[in-house]
Amino acid sequence: MDLEKIQRMWEKDSVIDEVMLDEASLKIPQLHAKYLTIYNDFKLLKTKAEFEVKKIKHSRWLYYSGKQVLEDEEPFQHKIMKSDVPTWVAVDEKVNRTEIKIEYYNTVIYTLSEILKQINNRNFMIKNALEWRRFTNGG
């Protein structure tokens, strides 16, 4: 599942049938469970990626400081000062790929939290629609 698919799902699920407000009200718990499950999945993926980036940063720090030769790479040929190692780690491609993944997860999590807020507010929206109908019908 990706952000685009979640947005397409919400585009369909966000529509409230003005005629069938009772059904829309009854679907709130189902929608909440659906999007909360997806939210939790992405929170766990983000946590896993955060641990992964820590391990990668440590490995890359050892590599750039000359303390470890990685299996799939040549030994680091430059002699750099210890204070410059964090700069090299910060621009490392493997580190950046994982950090980009974390930012993607943050975006998905933000989107899902906004969807969950909308689902939580549906009761009020439906109640307001019913009260407006009652008012316009003179009751």
Protein backbone atom coordinates (compact mmCIF):
# COMPACT_ATOMS: atom_id res chain seq x y z
CA MET A 1 0.00 0.00 0.00
CA ASP A 2 1.26 3.46 -0.82
CA LEU A 3 0.22 7.07 -0.31
CA GLU A 4 -1.46 7.33 -3.71
CA LYS A 5 -3.63 4.27 -3.05
CA ILE A 6 -4.59 5.58 0.40
CA GLN A 7 -5.60 8.92 -1.11
CA ARG A 8 -7.73 7.19 -3.77
CA MET A 9 -9.41 5.06 -1.09
CA TRP A 10 -10.16 8.13 1.03
CA GLU A 11 -11.49 9.98 -2.00
CA LYS A 12 -14.17 7.27 -2.27
CA ASP A 13 -14.68 6.72 1.46
CA SER A 14 -14.96 10.43 2.28
CA VAL A 15 -18.17 10.84 0.29
CA ILE A 16 -21.25 10.99 2.51
CA ASP A 17 -24.54 10.10 0.82
CA GLU A 18 -26.87 12.91 1.83
CA VAL A 19 -29.90 10.66 1.50
CA MET A 20 -28.51 7.77 3.54
CA LEU A 21 -27.10 9.62 6.55
CA ASP A 22 -28.01 6.76 8.86
CA GLU A 23 -25.86 4.35 6.84
CA ALA A 24 -23.03 6.87 6.79
CA SER A 25 -23.24 7.12 10.56
CA LEU A 26 -23.12 3.35 10.95
CA LYS A 27 -20.05 3.09 8.69
CA ILE A 28 -17.94 5.39 10.92
CA PRO A 29 -16.52 2.59 13.11
CA GLN A 30 -15.64 0.52 10.03
CA LEU A 31 -13.85 3.43 8.40
CA HIS A 32 -12.04 4.21 11.62
CA ALA A 33 -10.86 0.61 11.98
CA LYS A 34 -9.74 0.49 8.34
CA TYR A 35 -7.63 3.64 8.45
CA LEU A 36 -6.35 3.04 11.98
CA THR A 37 -4.99 -0.34 10.87
CA ILE A 38 -3.17 1.28 7.96
CA TYR A 39 -1.91 4.05 10.26
CA ASN A 40 -0.51 1.51 12.72
CA ASP A 41 1.18 -0.44 9.92
CA PHE A 42 2.98 2.68 8.71
CA LYS A 43 3.95 3.71 12.25
CA LEU A 44 5.63 0.33 12.67
CA LEU A 45 7.36 0.62 9.28
CA LYS A 46 8.66 4.05 10.29
CA THR A 47 9.98 2.73 13.60
CA LYS A 48 11.73 -0.10 11.78
CA ALA A 49 13.28 2.36 9.31
CA GLU A 50 14.47 4.59 12.16
CA PHE A 51 16.32 1.66 13.73
CA GLU A 52 17.67 0.75 10.31
CA VAL A 53 19.05 4.25 9.73
CA LYS A 54 20.80 4.16 13.11
CA LYS A 55 22.52 0.90 12.17
CA ILE A 56 23.47 2.23 8.73
CA LYS A 57 24.83 5.46 10.19
CA HIS A 58 26.95 3.51 12.65
CA SER A 59 28.26 1.22 9.93
CA ARG A 60 29.03 4.18 7.66
CA TRP A 61 30.73 6.01 10.55
CA LEU A 62 33.01 3.00 11.04
CA TYR A 63 33.66 2.87 7.28
CA TYR A 64 34.51 6.55 6.89
CA SER A 65 36.67 6.59 10.01
CA GLY A 66 38.69 3.68 8.58
CA LYS A 67 37.77 1.26 11.35
CA GLN A 68 35.81 -1.18 9.19
CA VAL A 69 35.92 -2.36 5.60
CA LEU A 70 32.50 -3.22 4.26
CA GLU A 71 32.08 -6.44 2.30
CA ASP A 72 30.52 -4.90 -0.79
CA GLU A 73 32.81 -1.85 -0.98
CA GLU A 74 36.42 -0.94 -1.42
CA PRO A 75 38.26 0.45 1.60
CA PHE A 76 37.72 4.18 2.01
CA GLN A 77 40.73 5.77 0.29
CA HIS A 78 40.66 9.19 1.93
CA LYS A 79 42.16 10.15 5.24
CA ILE A 80 39.71 12.49 6.94
CA MET A 81 39.64 14.11 10.33
CA LYS A 82 37.44 12.52 12.97
CA SER A 83 35.35 15.68 13.13
CA ASP A 84 34.58 15.39 9.39
CA VAL A 85 33.19 11.84 9.59
CA PRO A 86 29.62 12.97 10.48
CA THR A 87 29.61 15.16 7.36
CA TRP A 88 30.51 12.19 5.19
CA VAL A 89 27.88 10.04 6.90
CA ALA A 90 25.24 12.74 6.39
CA VAL A 91 25.71 12.75 2.61
CA ASP A 92 26.07 8.98 2.25
CA GLU A 93 23.69 7.49 -0.31
CA LYS A 94 22.62 4.54 1.86
CA VAL A 95 21.85 6.84 4.79
CA ASN A 96 19.93 9.26 2.57
CA ARG A 97 17.81 6.50 1.00
CA THR A 98 16.68 5.33 4.42
CA GLU A 99 16.05 8.88 5.64
CA ILE A 100 13.95 9.55 2.53
CA LYS A 101 11.96 6.42 3.35
CA ILE A 102 11.34 7.79 6.86
CA GLU A 103 10.15 11.11 5.41
CA TYR A 104 7.78 9.22 3.11
CA TYR A 105 6.41 7.32 6.10
CA ASN A 106 5.98 10.62 7.96
CA THR A 107 3.93 11.97 5.05
CA VAL A 108 1.73 8.87 4.95
CA ILE A 109 1.28 8.96 8.74
CA TYR A 110 0.33 12.65 8.62
CA THR A 111 -2.21 11.94 5.86
CA LEU A 112 -3.70 9.05 7.80
CA SER A 113 -3.92 11.10 11.00
CA GLU A 114 -5.83 13.79 9.09
CA ILE A 115 -8.16 11.15 7.65
CA LEU A 116 -8.76 9.77 11.13
CA LYS A 117 -9.60 13.28 12.37
CA GLN A 118 -12.17 13.62 9.59
CA ILE A 119 -13.67 10.25 10.46
CA ASN A 120 -13.90 11.26 14.11
CA ASN A 121 -15.73 14.45 13.07
CA ARG A 122 -18.26 12.64 10.88
CA ASN A 123 -20.73 12.28 13.74
CA PHE A 124 -20.84 16.07 14.08
CA MET A 125 -21.14 16.59 10.32
CA ILE A 126 -24.03 14.12 10.08
CA LYS A 127 -25.72 15.60 13.15
CA ASN A 128 -25.42 19.11 11.68
CA ALA A 129 -26.86 17.92 8.37
CA LEU A 130 -29.83 16.37 10.16
CA GLU A 131 -30.43 19.51 12.24
CA TRP A 132 -30.25 21.66 9.11
CA ARG A 133 -32.85 19.46 7.40
CA ARG A 134 -35.07 19.67 10.44
CA PHE A 135 -34.70 23.48 10.49
CA THR A 136 -35.38 23.92 6.76
CA ASN A 137 -38.43 21.65 6.98
CA GLY A 138 -39.88 23.81 9.75
CA GLY A 139 -39.31 21.35 12.56
